Amino acid sequence: MVGTHYRVDDYYEVGREKVREYARAVKDTHPAHHDEVAAKDLGYDGLIAPLTFISIVGMLAQRRLFEDKAAGLDLRHVMQTDQRLVFHRPVEVGDRLVCDVYIDSVRQMAGADIIVTKNIVRDQDEELVLTTYTTLIYRADIDVEGIG
């Protein structure tokens, strides 16, 4: 599985109201997420997204990687244990984000597969926005029936 790659087949366009909705949902009251004038006063063309907004893009991409490329992995058996995010710049309204997901490493320990994925998010100009590493534990032998 190491080296397996998936590129999302379409971009995610960051919308003004989606940024506001997300900021309200996570209770992030920074003015640059809600008020365009405040964002412009900080040097941006429009609203900037809260840091965790990028999880929407990453989650969609990672799910597709496991569903399409890593056949046989039941996502009900996957638990995220760690994540490291490296922001190259803020996510801004109008960005068209594309995500490449790679299986960076796999090792076995205590009957589980420990999988590290690497997501690289770029904008419409192919400029880096974010690089993230996510550590997942996969155990095929856990009974997940009835959990949900």
C-alpha atoms as a PDB file:
ATOM      1  CA  MET A   1       0.000   0.000   0.000  1.00  0.00           C
ATOM      2  CA  VAL A   2       2.899   2.402   0.565  1.00  0.00           C
ATOM      3  CA  GLY A   3       3.034   4.857  -2.300  1.00  0.00           C
ATOM      4  CA  THR A   4      -0.633   4.470  -3.147  1.00  0.00           C
ATOM      5  CA  HIS A   5      -1.837   7.852  -4.420  1.00  0.00           C
ATOM      6  CA  TYR A   6      -5.213   9.394  -5.003  1.00  0.00           C
ATOM      7  CA  ARG A   7      -5.954  12.809  -6.450  1.00  0.00           C
ATOM      8  CA  VAL A   8      -9.421  14.141  -5.889  1.00  0.00           C
ATOM      9  CA  ASP A   9     -11.071  14.286  -9.305  1.00  0.00           C
ATOM     10  CA  ASP A  10     -12.580  17.725  -8.741  1.00  0.00           C
ATOM     11  CA  TYR A  11     -11.689  20.827  -6.778  1.00  0.00           C
ATOM     12  CA  TYR A  12     -13.368  22.101  -3.625  1.00  0.00           C
ATOM     13  CA  GLU A  13     -14.333  25.748  -4.023  1.00  0.00           C
ATOM     14  CA  VAL A  14     -14.220  27.692  -0.775  1.00  0.00           C
ATOM     15  CA  GLY A  15     -17.407  29.754  -0.506  1.00  0.00           C
ATOM     16  CA  ARG A  16     -17.947  32.853   1.585  1.00  0.00           C
ATOM     17  CA  GLU A  17     -21.045  31.538   3.336  1.00  0.00           C
ATOM     18  CA  LYS A  18     -19.467  28.119   3.929  1.00  0.00           C
ATOM     19  CA  VAL A  19     -16.596  29.836   5.760  1.00  0.00           C
ATOM     20  CA  ARG A  20     -19.066  31.797   7.888  1.00  0.00           C
ATOM     21  CA  GLU A  21     -21.176  28.688   8.596  1.00  0.00           C
ATOM     22  CA  TYR A  22     -18.147  26.663   9.562  1.00  0.00           C
ATOM     23  CA  ALA A  23     -16.777  29.427  11.797  1.00  0.00           C
ATOM     24  CA  ARG A  24     -20.131  29.635  13.599  1.00  0.00           C
ATOM     25  CA  ALA A  25     -20.303  25.836  13.952  1.00  0.00           C
ATOM     26  CA  VAL A  26     -16.871  25.654  15.604  1.00  0.00           C
ATOM     27  CA  LYS A  27     -17.510  28.850  17.574  1.00  0.00           C
ATOM     28  CA  ASP A  28     -14.571  30.703  16.022  1.00  0.00           C
ATOM     29  CA  THR A  29     -15.422  34.369  16.421  1.00  0.00           C
ATOM     30  CA  HIS A  30     -12.337  35.884  14.777  1.00  0.00           C
ATOM     31  CA  PRO A  31     -13.614  38.776  12.629  1.00  0.00           C
ATOM     32  CA  ALA A  32     -11.621  37.662   9.545  1.00  0.00           C
ATOM     33  CA  HIS A  33     -13.924  34.614   9.278  1.00  0.00           C
ATOM     34  CA  HIS A  34     -17.118  36.697   9.296  1.00  0.00           C
ATOM     35  CA  ASP A  35     -16.387  40.236   8.096  1.00  0.00           C
ATOM     36  CA  GLU A  36     -14.755  40.934   4.734  1.00  0.00           C
ATOM     37  CA  VAL A  37     -13.546  44.377   5.861  1.00  0.00           C
ATOM     38  CA  ALA A  38     -11.778  42.809   8.840  1.00  0.00           C
ATOM     39  CA  ALA A  39     -10.117  40.250   6.554  1.00  0.00           C
ATOM     40  CA  LYS A  40      -9.062  42.977   4.126  1.00  0.00           C
ATOM     41  CA  ASP A  41      -7.602  44.984   7.016  1.00  0.00           C
ATOM     42  CA  LEU A  42      -5.343  41.955   7.610  1.00  0.00           C
ATOM     43  CA  GLY A  43      -4.233  41.952   3.965  1.00  0.00           C
ATOM     44  CA  TYR A  44      -6.553  39.336   2.449  1.00  0.00           C
ATOM     45  CA  ASP A  45      -8.865  39.719  -0.557  1.00  0.00           C
ATOM     46  CA  GLY A  46     -11.797  38.197   1.323  1.00  0.00           C
ATOM     47  CA  LEU A  47     -12.701  36.053   4.300  1.00  0.00           C
ATOM     48  CA  ILE A  48     -10.166  33.528   5.514  1.00  0.00           C
ATOM     49  CA  ALA A  49     -11.270  30.136   6.803  1.00  0.00           C
ATOM     50  CA  PRO A  50     -10.691  28.853  10.334  1.00  0.00           C
ATOM     51  CA  LEU A  51      -7.703  26.510  10.489  1.00  0.00           C
ATOM     52  CA  THR A  52      -9.805  23.373  10.895  1.00  0.00           C
ATOM     53  CA  PHE A  53     -11.924  24.191   7.811  1.00  0.00           C
ATOM     54  CA  ILE A  54      -9.360  22.280   5.749  1.00  0.00           C
ATOM     55  CA  SER A  55     -10.510  19.056   7.422  1.00  0.00           C
ATOM     56  CA  ILE A  56     -13.519  19.039   5.074  1.00  0.00           C
ATOM     57  CA  VAL A  57     -11.249  18.714   2.046  1.00  0.00           C
ATOM     58  CA  GLY A  58      -8.896  16.219   3.683  1.00  0.00           C
ATOM     59  CA  MET A  59     -11.659  13.979   4.956  1.00  0.00           C
ATOM     60  CA  LEU A  60     -13.289  13.750   1.524  1.00  0.00           C
ATOM     61  CA  ALA A  61      -9.976  12.931  -0.123  1.00  0.00           C
ATOM     62  CA  GLN A  62      -8.874  10.346   2.435  1.00  0.00           C
ATOM     63  CA  ARG A  63     -12.228   8.580   2.321  1.00  0.00           C
ATOM     64  CA  ARG A  64     -11.958   8.300  -1.465  1.00  0.00           C
ATOM     65  CA  LEU A  65      -8.401   6.965  -1.212  1.00  0.00           C
ATOM     66  CA  PHE A  66      -9.490   4.108   1.017  1.00  0.00           C
ATOM     67  CA  GLU A  67     -12.706   3.411  -0.887  1.00  0.00           C
ATOM     68  CA  ASP A  68     -11.182   3.548  -4.374  1.00  0.00           C
ATOM     69  CA  LYS A  69      -7.512   2.607  -4.063  1.00  0.00           C
ATOM     70  CA  ALA A  70      -7.018   0.618  -0.875  1.00  0.00           C
ATOM     71  CA  ALA A  71      -9.716  -1.970  -1.449  1.00  0.00           C
ATOM     72  CA  GLY A  72     -10.465  -4.194   1.486  1.00  0.00           C
ATOM     73  CA  LEU A  73     -10.080  -1.577   4.210  1.00  0.00           C
ATOM     74  CA  ASP A  74     -13.358  -1.164   6.059  1.00  0.00           C
ATOM     75  CA  LEU A  75     -13.405   2.427   7.348  1.00  0.00           C
ATOM     76  CA  ARG A  76     -15.379   1.305  10.386  1.00  0.00           C
ATOM     77  CA  HIS A  77     -12.140  -0.354  11.548  1.00  0.00           C
ATOM     78  CA  VAL A  78     -10.035   2.814  11.234  1.00  0.00           C
ATOM     79  CA  MET A  79      -9.252   5.162  14.103  1.00  0.00           C
ATOM     80  CA  GLN A  80      -7.272   8.379  13.745  1.00  0.00           C
ATOM     81  CA  THR A  81      -4.606   8.722  16.418  1.00  0.00           C
ATOM     82  CA  ASP A  82      -2.470  11.678  15.362  1.00  0.00           C
ATOM     83  CA  GLN A  83      -2.307  14.495  12.851  1.00  0.00           C
ATOM     84  CA  ARG A  84       0.334  17.063  11.977  1.00  0.00           C
ATOM     85  CA  LEU A  85      -0.646  20.035   9.832  1.00  0.00           C
ATOM     86  CA  VAL A  86       1.776  22.368   8.095  1.00  0.00           C
ATOM     87  CA  PHE A  87       0.024  25.458   6.765  1.00  0.00           C
ATOM     88  CA  HIS A  88       1.773  27.236   3.941  1.00  0.00           C
ATOM     89  CA  ARG A  89      -0.879  29.965   3.840  1.00  0.00           C
ATOM     90  CA  PRO A  90      -4.474  30.516   5.029  1.00  0.00           C
ATOM     91  CA  VAL A  91      -7.431  29.113   3.110  1.00  0.00           C
ATOM     92  CA  GLU A  92      -9.279  32.016   1.478  1.00  0.00           C
ATOM     93  CA  VAL A  93     -12.728  32.441  -0.020  1.00  0.00           C
ATOM     94  CA  GLY A  94     -12.486  31.738  -3.743  1.00  0.00           C
ATOM     95  CA  ASP A  95      -9.745  29.143  -3.404  1.00  0.00           C
ATOM     96  CA  ARG A  96     -10.261  26.066  -5.548  1.00  0.00           C
ATOM     97  CA  LEU A  97      -8.512  23.381  -3.567  1.00  0.00           C
ATOM     98  CA  VAL A  98      -7.243  20.093  -4.927  1.00  0.00           C
ATOM     99  CA  CYS A  99      -5.950  17.380  -2.617  1.00  0.00           C
ATOM    100  CA  ASP A 100      -3.440  14.635  -3.327  1.00  0.00           C
ATOM    101  CA  VAL A 101      -3.423  11.829  -0.755  1.00  0.00           C
ATOM    102  CA  TYR A 102      -0.606   9.325  -0.401  1.00  0.00           C
ATOM    103  CA  ILE A 103      -0.130   6.334   1.850  1.00  0.00           C
ATOM    104  CA  ASP A 104       3.211   7.406   3.260  1.00  0.00           C
ATOM    105  CA  SER A 105       3.993   4.439   5.505  1.00  0.00           C
ATOM    106  CA  VAL A 106       2.495   1.263   6.945  1.00  0.00           C
ATOM    107  CA  ARG A 107       3.800  -0.806   9.832  1.00  0.00           C
ATOM    108  CA  GLN A 108       2.313  -3.472  12.054  1.00  0.00           C
ATOM    109  CA  MET A 109       2.234  -3.430  15.818  1.00  0.00           C
ATOM    110  CA  ALA A 110       0.168  -5.374  18.362  1.00  0.00           C
ATOM    111  CA  GLY A 111      -2.072  -6.875  15.686  1.00  0.00           C
ATOM    112  CA  ALA A 112      -2.885  -3.551  14.050  1.00  0.00           C
ATOM    113  CA  ASP A 113      -1.772  -1.759  10.911  1.00  0.00           C
ATOM    114  CA  ILE A 114      -0.478   1.729  11.594  1.00  0.00           C
ATOM    115  CA  ILE A 115      -0.984   3.777   8.449  1.00  0.00           C
ATOM    116  CA  VAL A 116       0.366   7.279   7.855  1.00  0.00           C
ATOM    117  CA  THR A 117      -1.225   9.287   5.072  1.00  0.00           C
ATOM    118  CA  LYS A 118       0.166  12.462   3.575  1.00  0.00           C
ATOM    119  CA  ASN A 119      -2.226  15.025   2.120  1.00  0.00           C
ATOM    120  CA  ILE A 120      -0.974  17.817  -0.083  1.00  0.00           C
ATOM    121  CA  VAL A 121      -3.498  20.582  -0.726  1.00  0.00           C
ATOM    122  CA  ARG A 122      -2.897  23.067  -3.540  1.00  0.00           C
ATOM    123  CA  ASP A 123      -4.922  25.954  -4.905  1.00  0.00           C
ATOM    124  CA  GLN A 124      -6.037  26.721  -8.455  1.00  0.00           C
ATOM    125  CA  ASP A 125      -2.546  28.076  -9.238  1.00  0.00           C
ATOM    126  CA  GLU A 126      -0.882  24.871  -7.936  1.00  0.00           C
ATOM    127  CA  GLU A 127       0.469  26.831  -4.948  1.00  0.00           C
ATOM    128  CA  LEU A 128       0.877  24.861  -1.723  1.00  0.00           C
ATOM    129  CA  VAL A 129      -1.768  25.582   0.897  1.00  0.00           C
ATOM    130  CA  LEU A 130      -1.282  22.714   3.352  1.00  0.00           C
ATOM    131  CA  THR A 131       0.651  19.521   3.943  1.00  0.00           C
ATOM    132  CA  THR A 132      -0.710  17.158   6.552  1.00  0.00           C
ATOM    133  CA  TYR A 133       0.305  13.796   7.955  1.00  0.00           C
ATOM    134  CA  THR A 134      -2.396  11.660   9.563  1.00  0.00           C
ATOM    135  CA  THR A 135      -1.727   8.507  11.566  1.00  0.00           C
ATOM    136  CA  LEU A 136      -4.463   5.876  11.502  1.00  0.00           C
ATOM    137  CA  ILE A 137      -4.785   2.528  13.223  1.00  0.00           C
ATOM    138  CA  TYR A 138      -6.550  -0.247  11.327  1.00  0.00           C
ATOM    139  CA  ARG A 139      -7.711  -3.440  13.032  1.00  0.00           C
ATOM    140  CA  ALA A 140      -9.656  -5.812  10.830  1.00  0.00           C
ATOM    141  CA  ASP A 141     -10.443  -8.186  13.694  1.00  0.00           C
ATOM    142  CA  ILE A 142     -12.581  -5.789  15.754  1.00  0.00           C
ATOM    143  CA  ASP A 143     -16.308  -6.538  15.781  1.00  0.00           C
ATOM    144  CA  VAL A 144     -17.986  -3.275  14.722  1.00  0.00           C
ATOM    145  CA  GLU A 145     -21.476  -4.679  14.249  1.00  0.00           C
ATOM    146  CA  GLY A 146     -23.972  -2.756  16.322  1.00  0.00           C
ATOM    147  CA  ILE A 147     -21.638   0.218  16.810  1.00  0.00           C
ATOM    148  CA  GLY A 148     -22.814   3.315  15.192  1.00  0.00           C
END
